[in-house]
């Protein structure tokens, strides 16, 4: 067996072991992304949060699978002449499957609960994936305290999917792992 074929066999074997260890099957890109979108479509109200060092790149790739581009919430809302009401925010975000630049939603001027807003959007116009600027753990989402000092920084989001970015070697490697919050 050549060195190149050995590397492919080793990669696929490791991937199979990794996937089977969490109860999944061997999935490759882009099928894993398509499967994720299907899962979100079948479960209105379920939101996916993209976390990790390459979250912007993974969000871009996921959006491409929907024939879209990530929608930058901050650029859109700050272009308005006055702070929008929640209904206006919902209308402007509705129909965009991937949201990024969400930090503006945490501004006290808007008086919003961003996580609740994402759940509403995922119920009325699924699917929704959000580029989360903080971290995630089994207990929920954590917003960076240096971005919102003194503000609410931990969010419980039962049933949400955490898309945790990971490095890839081959073009068909899945650029993320999935975790479902209890």
Protein backbone atom coordinates (compact mmCIF):
# COMPACT_ATOMS: atom_id res chain seq x y z
CA UNK A 1 0.00 0.00 0.00
CA UNK A 2 1.40 3.43 -0.86
CA UNK A 3 2.04 6.08 1.77
CA UNK A 4 -0.82 8.21 0.41
CA UNK A 5 -3.31 5.33 0.58
CA UNK A 6 -2.07 4.49 4.10
CA UNK A 7 -2.78 8.07 5.20
CA UNK A 8 -6.30 7.94 3.78
CA UNK A 9 -6.98 4.58 5.44
CA UNK A 10 -5.66 5.82 8.79
CA UNK A 11 -7.74 9.02 8.57
CA UNK A 12 -10.93 7.15 7.74
CA UNK A 13 -10.27 4.53 10.41
CA UNK A 14 -9.69 7.21 13.05
CA UNK A 15 -12.78 9.09 11.86
CA UNK A 16 -14.84 5.92 12.13
CA UNK A 17 -13.60 5.29 15.65
CA UNK A 18 -14.22 8.93 16.65
CA UNK A 19 -17.73 8.94 15.16
CA UNK A 20 -18.64 5.57 16.64
CA UNK A 21 -17.41 6.63 20.06
CA UNK A 22 -20.18 9.23 20.18
CA UNK A 23 -22.79 6.97 18.63
CA UNK A 24 -22.61 8.44 15.11
CA UNK A 25 -21.68 7.03 11.78
CA UNK A 26 -18.87 8.00 9.43
CA UNK A 27 -19.91 11.23 7.77
CA UNK A 28 -17.94 13.30 5.36
CA UNK A 29 -18.18 16.87 4.23
CA UNK A 30 -20.51 18.21 2.88
CA UNK A 31 -23.01 15.48 3.84
CA UNK A 32 -22.52 16.20 7.56
CA UNK A 33 -23.52 19.83 6.94
CA UNK A 34 -26.58 18.80 4.94
CA UNK A 35 -27.59 16.41 7.73
CA UNK A 36 -27.22 19.19 10.30
CA UNK A 37 -29.51 21.52 8.34
CA UNK A 38 -32.07 18.71 7.96
CA UNK A 39 -32.03 18.08 11.71
CA UNK A 40 -32.61 21.77 12.42
CA UNK A 41 -35.47 21.90 9.90
CA UNK A 42 -37.15 18.88 11.53
CA UNK A 43 -36.95 20.43 15.01
CA UNK A 44 -38.40 23.95 14.93
CA UNK A 45 -37.17 25.94 17.90
CA UNK A 46 -33.81 24.16 18.03
CA UNK A 47 -30.92 26.55 17.49
CA UNK A 48 -27.34 25.69 16.55
CA UNK A 49 -24.50 27.78 17.97
CA UNK A 50 -21.12 27.81 16.21
CA UNK A 51 -18.19 28.12 18.62
CA UNK A 52 -14.44 27.77 18.25
CA UNK A 53 -11.45 29.41 16.68
CA UNK A 54 -12.66 29.02 13.08
CA UNK A 55 -16.35 29.77 13.74
CA UNK A 56 -16.56 32.44 11.01
CA UNK A 57 -15.17 30.09 8.36
CA UNK A 58 -17.43 27.21 9.40
CA UNK A 59 -20.44 29.56 9.42
CA UNK A 60 -19.58 30.68 5.90
CA UNK A 61 -19.34 27.06 4.75
CA UNK A 62 -22.64 26.13 6.39
CA UNK A 63 -24.34 29.15 4.82
CA UNK A 64 -23.07 28.11 1.37
CA UNK A 65 -24.90 24.80 1.79
CA UNK A 66 -28.13 26.84 2.09
CA UNK A 67 -27.26 29.05 -0.86
CA UNK A 68 -26.81 31.99 1.51
CA UNK A 69 -24.19 34.13 3.19
CA UNK A 70 -23.97 34.71 6.94
CA UNK A 71 -26.14 37.69 7.88
CA UNK A 72 -24.23 40.27 9.94
CA UNK A 73 -26.75 41.41 12.54
CA UNK A 74 -24.63 44.29 13.83
CA UNK A 75 -24.09 45.87 10.42
CA UNK A 76 -27.78 45.63 9.62
CA UNK A 77 -29.19 46.97 12.89
CA UNK A 78 -26.67 49.76 13.37
CA UNK A 79 -27.55 51.12 9.91
CA UNK A 80 -31.04 51.96 11.21
CA UNK A 81 -31.76 55.54 12.28
CA UNK A 82 -33.07 54.50 15.72
CA UNK A 83 -32.83 51.44 17.97
CA UNK A 84 -35.33 48.90 16.62
CA UNK A 85 -38.12 47.24 18.58
CA UNK A 86 -37.99 43.46 19.01
CA UNK A 87 -40.57 42.90 16.28
CA UNK A 88 -38.44 44.86 13.83
CA UNK A 89 -35.36 42.87 14.82
CA UNK A 90 -37.26 39.59 14.31
CA UNK A 91 -38.49 40.73 10.89
CA UNK A 92 -35.00 41.75 9.78
CA UNK A 93 -33.37 38.49 10.94
CA UNK A 94 -36.12 36.14 9.81
CA UNK A 95 -35.20 33.93 6.88
CA UNK A 96 -31.45 34.20 7.38
CA UNK A 97 -30.17 30.72 8.28
CA UNK A 98 -26.77 31.88 9.60
CA UNK A 99 -26.43 34.89 11.87
CA UNK A 100 -23.14 36.49 12.86
CA UNK A 101 -22.11 39.81 14.39
CA UNK A 102 -24.72 39.28 17.10
CA UNK A 103 -22.99 41.32 19.82
CA UNK A 104 -25.29 44.30 19.18
CA UNK A 105 -28.25 42.21 20.38
CA UNK A 106 -26.77 42.21 23.89
CA UNK A 107 -26.75 46.01 24.08
CA UNK A 108 -28.99 47.20 26.92
CA UNK A 109 -30.49 49.85 24.62
CA UNK A 110 -32.32 47.12 22.69
CA UNK A 111 -33.67 45.45 25.84
CA UNK A 112 -33.63 42.00 24.22
CA UNK A 113 -33.04 38.47 25.39
CA UNK A 114 -30.95 37.35 22.39
CA UNK A 115 -31.08 33.63 23.15
CA UNK A 116 -34.88 33.73 23.41
CA UNK A 117 -34.95 35.71 20.15
CA UNK A 118 -32.90 32.99 18.40
CA UNK A 119 -35.33 30.33 19.65
CA UNK A 120 -38.29 32.33 18.33
CA UNK A 121 -36.58 32.69 14.95
CA UNK A 122 -35.81 28.96 14.89
CA UNK A 123 -39.49 28.27 15.58
CA UNK A 124 -40.98 30.66 13.04
CA UNK A 125 -38.34 30.49 10.30
CA UNK A 126 -36.07 27.46 10.80
CA UNK A 127 -33.28 26.60 10.49
CA UNK A 128 -31.09 29.00 12.50
CA UNK A 129 -27.36 28.77 13.23
CA UNK A 130 -25.71 31.52 15.24
CA UNK A 131 -22.02 32.40 15.36
CA UNK A 132 -21.56 32.60 19.15
CA UNK A 133 -18.82 35.01 20.26
CA UNK A 134 -18.20 33.15 23.51
CA UNK A 135 -17.78 29.56 24.60
CA UNK A 136 -20.03 26.60 25.30
CA UNK A 137 -20.05 23.82 27.86
CA UNK A 138 -22.49 21.09 28.90
CA UNK A 139 -24.13 23.66 31.19
CA UNK A 140 -24.82 26.08 28.32
CA UNK A 141 -23.46 29.09 26.51
CA UNK A 142 -21.07 31.59 28.03
CA UNK A 143 -20.81 35.16 26.77
CA UNK A 144 -17.44 36.90 27.21
CA UNK A 145 -17.49 39.16 30.27
CA UNK A 146 -15.03 41.57 28.66
CA UNK A 147 -17.62 42.27 25.95
CA UNK A 148 -20.49 42.84 28.35
CA UNK A 149 -19.09 43.75 31.76
CA UNK A 150 -21.51 43.13 34.60
CA UNK A 151 -24.11 41.73 32.20
CA UNK A 152 -25.65 38.28 32.07
CA UNK A 153 -22.94 35.99 30.78
CA UNK A 154 -24.29 32.41 31.08
CA UNK A 155 -27.26 31.06 29.17
CA UNK A 156 -29.00 27.74 29.54
CA UNK A 157 -30.27 26.57 26.16
CA UNK A 158 -31.82 23.11 26.53
CA UNK A 159 -31.90 21.14 23.29
CA UNK A 160 -29.55 23.46 21.43
CA UNK A 161 -26.82 22.10 19.21
CA UNK A 162 -23.26 23.31 19.72
CA UNK A 163 -21.23 23.23 16.54
CA UNK A 164 -17.65 23.12 17.82
CA UNK A 165 -15.13 23.87 15.09
CA UNK A 166 -12.13 21.61 14.63
CA UNK A 167 -9.15 21.51 12.29
CA UNK A 168 -9.30 19.51 9.09
CA UNK A 169 -6.68 17.89 6.90
CA UNK A 170 -8.64 16.73 3.88
CA UNK A 171 -11.33 18.55 1.87
CA UNK A 172 -13.96 16.00 2.88
CA UNK A 173 -13.19 16.20 6.61
CA UNK A 174 -16.07 17.58 8.66
CA UNK A 175 -14.91 20.94 10.09
CA UNK A 176 -16.87 20.56 13.32
CA UNK A 177 -18.18 18.25 15.98
CA UNK A 178 -21.73 18.38 17.30
CA UNK A 179 -22.84 18.46 20.90
CA UNK A 180 -26.46 18.49 21.97
CA UNK A 181 -27.15 20.38 25.17
CA UNK A 182 -29.35 18.51 27.64
